C-alpha atoms as a PDB file:
ATOM      1  CA  MET A   1     158.845  33.994 304.733  1.00  0.00           C
ATOM      2  CA  MET A   2     157.822  36.045 301.759  1.00  0.00           C
ATOM      3  CA  PHE A   3     161.508  36.696 300.777  1.00  0.00           C
ATOM      4  CA  ALA A   4     162.264  33.002 300.655  1.00  0.00           C
ATOM      5  CA  THR A   5     159.270  32.214 298.396  1.00  0.00           C
ATOM      6  CA  ARG A   6     160.039  35.066 296.026  1.00  0.00           C
ATOM      7  CA  LEU A   7     163.713  34.404 295.891  1.00  0.00           C
ATOM      8  CA  LYS A   8     163.159  30.764 294.999  1.00  0.00           C
ATOM      9  CA  LYS A   9     160.489  31.584 292.451  1.00  0.00           C
ATOM     10  CA  LEU A  10     162.687  34.211 290.731  1.00  0.00           C
ATOM     11  CA  ARG A  11     165.679  31.850 290.623  1.00  0.00           C
ATOM     12  CA  PHE A  12     163.567  29.038 289.026  1.00  0.00           C
ATOM     13  CA  GLU A  13     162.127  31.558 286.501  1.00  0.00           C
ATOM     14  CA  LYS A  14     165.749  32.411 285.677  1.00  0.00           C
ATOM     15  CA  ASP A  15     166.743  28.771 285.608  1.00  0.00           C
ATOM     16  CA  ILE A  16     169.707  29.257 287.725  1.00  0.00           C
ATOM     17  CA  THR A  17     170.986  26.932 290.490  1.00  0.00           C
ATOM     18  CA  GLN A  18     171.638  27.912 293.957  1.00  0.00           C
ATOM     19  CA  ALA A  19     175.298  27.576 293.439  1.00  0.00           C
ATOM     20  CA  GLU A  20     175.345  29.585 290.212  1.00  0.00           C
ATOM     21  CA  PHE A  21     173.164  32.291 291.846  1.00  0.00           C
ATOM     22  CA  ALA A  22     175.480  32.340 295.010  1.00  0.00           C
ATOM     23  CA  LYS A  23     178.616  32.921 292.938  1.00  0.00           C
ATOM     24  CA  VAL A  24     176.967  35.704 290.999  1.00  0.00           C
ATOM     25  CA  ILE A  25     176.133  37.574 294.171  1.00  0.00           C
ATOM     26  CA  GLY A  26     179.263  36.640 296.124  1.00  0.00           C
ATOM     27  CA  VAL A  27     177.887  34.223 298.808  1.00  0.00           C
ATOM     28  CA  ALA A  28     177.931  30.542 299.709  1.00  0.00           C
ATOM     29  CA  GLN A  29     175.479  28.207 298.147  1.00  0.00           C
ATOM     30  CA  GLN A  30     174.510  27.193 301.742  1.00  0.00           C
ATOM     31  CA  THR A  31     173.557  30.911 302.325  1.00  0.00           C
ATOM     32  CA  VAL A  32     171.170  30.882 299.483  1.00  0.00           C
ATOM     33  CA  GLY A  33     169.676  27.591 300.670  1.00  0.00           C
ATOM     34  CA  SER A  34     169.272  29.119 304.151  1.00  0.00           C
ATOM     35  CA  TRP A  35     167.515  32.103 302.666  1.00  0.00           C
ATOM     36  CA  GLU A  36     165.208  29.926 300.614  1.00  0.00           C
ATOM     37  CA  LYS A  37     164.206  27.898 303.640  1.00  0.00           C
ATOM     38  CA  GLY A  38     163.359  31.014 305.596  1.00  0.00           C
ATOM     39  CA  ASN A  39     166.127  30.396 308.154  1.00  0.00           C
ATOM     40  CA  SER A  40     168.023  33.607 307.484  1.00  0.00           C
ATOM     41  CA  ALA A  41     167.891  36.842 305.341  1.00  0.00           C
ATOM     42  CA  PRO A  42     170.375  38.706 303.513  1.00  0.00           C
ATOM     43  CA  ASN A  43     171.862  42.128 304.683  1.00  0.00           C
ATOM     44  CA  TYR A  44     170.819  45.323 303.026  1.00  0.00           C
ATOM     45  CA  ASP A  45     173.628  45.472 300.411  1.00  0.00           C
ATOM     46  CA  THR A  46     173.007  41.844 299.429  1.00  0.00           C
ATOM     47  CA  LEU A  47     169.345  42.364 299.169  1.00  0.00           C
ATOM     48  CA  ASN A  48     169.908  45.168 296.823  1.00  0.00           C
ATOM     49  CA  LYS A  49     172.346  42.992 294.741  1.00  0.00           C
ATOM     50  CA  ILE A  50     169.599  40.320 294.600  1.00  0.00           C
ATOM     51  CA  ALA A  51     166.912  42.930 293.470  1.00  0.00           C
ATOM     52  CA  ASP A  52     169.283  44.306 290.820  1.00  0.00           C
ATOM     53  CA  TYR A  53     170.147  40.779 289.542  1.00  0.00           C
ATOM     54  CA  PHE A  54     166.505  39.878 289.222  1.00  0.00           C
ATOM     55  CA  ASN A  55     165.397  43.384 288.118  1.00  0.00           C
ATOM     56  CA  VAL A  56     162.845  43.769 290.812  1.00  0.00           C
ATOM     57  CA  SER A  57     162.579  46.067 293.812  1.00  0.00           C
ATOM     58  CA  ALA A  58     163.758  45.113 297.340  1.00  0.00           C
ATOM     59  CA  ASP A  59     160.185  45.887 298.289  1.00  0.00           C
ATOM     60  CA  TYR A  60     158.997  43.209 295.991  1.00  0.00           C
ATOM     61  CA  LEU A  61     161.522  40.691 297.476  1.00  0.00           C
ATOM     62  CA  LEU A  62     160.350  41.461 300.996  1.00  0.00           C
ATOM     63  CA  GLY A  63     156.706  41.215 300.127  1.00  0.00           C
ATOM     64  CA  ARG A  64     155.805  44.803 300.422  1.00  0.00           C
ATOM     65  CA  LYS A  65     154.419  45.067 296.888  1.00  0.00           C
ATOM     66  CA  SER A  66     153.761  43.064 293.834  1.00  0.00           C
ATOM     67  CA  ALA A  67     156.208  42.908 290.983  1.00  0.00           C
ATOM     68  CA  ASN A  68     155.696  45.330 288.227  1.00  0.00           C
ATOM     69  CA  LYS A  69     157.340  42.936 285.742  1.00  0.00           C
ATOM     70  CA  ILE A  70     157.296  43.336 282.085  1.00  0.00           C
ATOM     71  CA  SER A  71     156.485  40.294 280.108  1.00  0.00           C
ATOM     72  CA  LEU A  72     159.353  39.452 277.848  1.00  0.00           C
ATOM     73  CA  SER A  73     159.609  37.000 274.964  1.00  0.00           C
ATOM     74  CA  ASN A  74     161.994  34.061 274.975  1.00  0.00           C
ATOM     75  CA  GLU A  75     164.337  35.993 272.643  1.00  0.00           C
ATOM     76  CA  GLN A  76     164.319  39.115 274.856  1.00  0.00           C
ATOM     77  CA  LYS A  77     165.144  36.992 277.848  1.00  0.00           C
ATOM     78  CA  ASN A  78     167.976  35.254 276.040  1.00  0.00           C
ATOM     79  CA  LEU A  79     169.247  38.721 275.017  1.00  0.00           C
ATOM     80  CA  LEU A  80     169.245  40.000 278.619  1.00  0.00           C
ATOM     81  CA  ASN A  81     170.771  36.867 280.045  1.00  0.00           C
ATOM     82  CA  GLY A  82     173.508  37.058 277.485  1.00  0.00           C
ATOM     83  CA  PHE A  83     174.193  40.683 278.248  1.00  0.00           C
ATOM     84  CA  ASN A  84     174.241  40.030 281.928  1.00  0.00           C
ATOM     85  CA  GLY A  85     176.806  37.552 281.491  1.00  0.00           C
ATOM     86  CA  LEU A  86     179.288  39.911 279.753  1.00  0.00           C
ATOM     87  CA  ASN A  87     182.066  41.795 281.363  1.00  0.00           C
ATOM     88  CA  GLU A  88     181.799  45.569 281.874  1.00  0.00           C
ATOM     89  CA  GLU A  89     183.815  46.326 278.814  1.00  0.00           C
ATOM     90  CA  SER A  90     181.728  44.111 276.561  1.00  0.00           C
ATOM     91  CA  LYS A  91     178.578  45.576 277.879  1.00  0.00           C
ATOM     92  CA  ARG A  92     179.764  49.132 277.055  1.00  0.00           C
ATOM     93  CA  LEU A  93     180.598  47.920 273.603  1.00  0.00           C
ATOM     94  CA  ILE A  94     177.202  46.403 272.972  1.00  0.00           C
ATOM     95  CA  LEU A  95     175.534  49.617 274.337  1.00  0.00           C
ATOM     96  CA  GLY A  96     177.619  51.785 272.033  1.00  0.00           C
ATOM     97  CA  MET A  97     176.496  49.479 269.065  1.00  0.00           C
ATOM     98  CA  ILE A  98     172.879  49.837 270.052  1.00  0.00           C
ATOM     99  CA  GLY A  99     173.283  53.646 270.155  1.00  0.00           C
ATOM    100  CA  GLN A 100     174.803  53.727 266.814  1.00  0.00           C
ATOM    101  CA  LEU A 101     172.070  51.537 265.353  1.00  0.00           C
ATOM    102  CA  ASN A 102     169.335  53.804 266.764  1.00  0.00           C
ATOM    103  CA  VAL A 103     171.059  56.861 265.386  1.00  0.00           C
ATOM    104  CA  ALA A 104     171.309  55.204 261.914  1.00  0.00           C
ATOM    105  CA  ARG A 105     167.677  54.148 262.023  1.00  0.00           C
ATOM    106  CA  ALA A 106     166.466  57.685 263.017  1.00  0.00           C
END
């Protein structure tokens, strides 16, 4: 039941619907609903996708340890959410720009 509680909490914190979340990780909305009710649980690969998406460990999702979450400002959350919504090519471009800015600043 810990997984169900933590998944729902993380999804609400990220302000994403079951349908949106389901699409991101490649399952049906009904599957996410079933997980959040505690009626079923994801397989190993999907659990890892969920952990990666929310930037937490699988152990946290399973209730084995508390989250070591970093507190982010709203601006930082918006930046991360925007970055996560980009395609891989755009992500590489942004990371390259950040690298160039860091070199120029040094």
